[in-house]
């Protein structure tokens, strides 16, 4: 036996379906990758822009940004470590057979190993922190690494790093 819906039931069911689709889309859109919560990449080294030149004097150099090099791995580790659980404290004595009260801590600190173990809110906070840290890193990296040296028949020459290359 088939029951037909009236218009009111149809509209109500359709609204429920749209709400459920919105919930599903929210979870499908959640990514467990820190990179999608970060504004820019850290500079990891300087690279030559075009290696197929006839003369080394014509070469230009740029800052290379990469998410798979050591600076990114350090930021990634800190992003997880930020959410280390706090220890559990309990009342004890200062040493065995002592009556002196002493507060101790259990070493039950847990650090997420994977981003999938973190909530969306934790990823947002970590992404915000890492974005700020990368801006600081890049500022000082460019300040310290303003130029590179190249060598030709006439000796060693210094050339300024021109820009950024992703």
Foldseek 3Di string as FASTA:
>chain_A
DDDDDDPVVVVVVVVVVVVVVVVVVVVVPDDLDLVVLADDFAFDAKDWPDPPDPDPVPIAIATEGDCPDDVNVVLVQVLQVVPWDDWDKDWDAPDPPDPHIDIDTDPPTDTDPGSVVDDSVSSNVSNVVSNVVRVVNRVVVCVVPQWDWDADPVGIDIDGHDYHDD
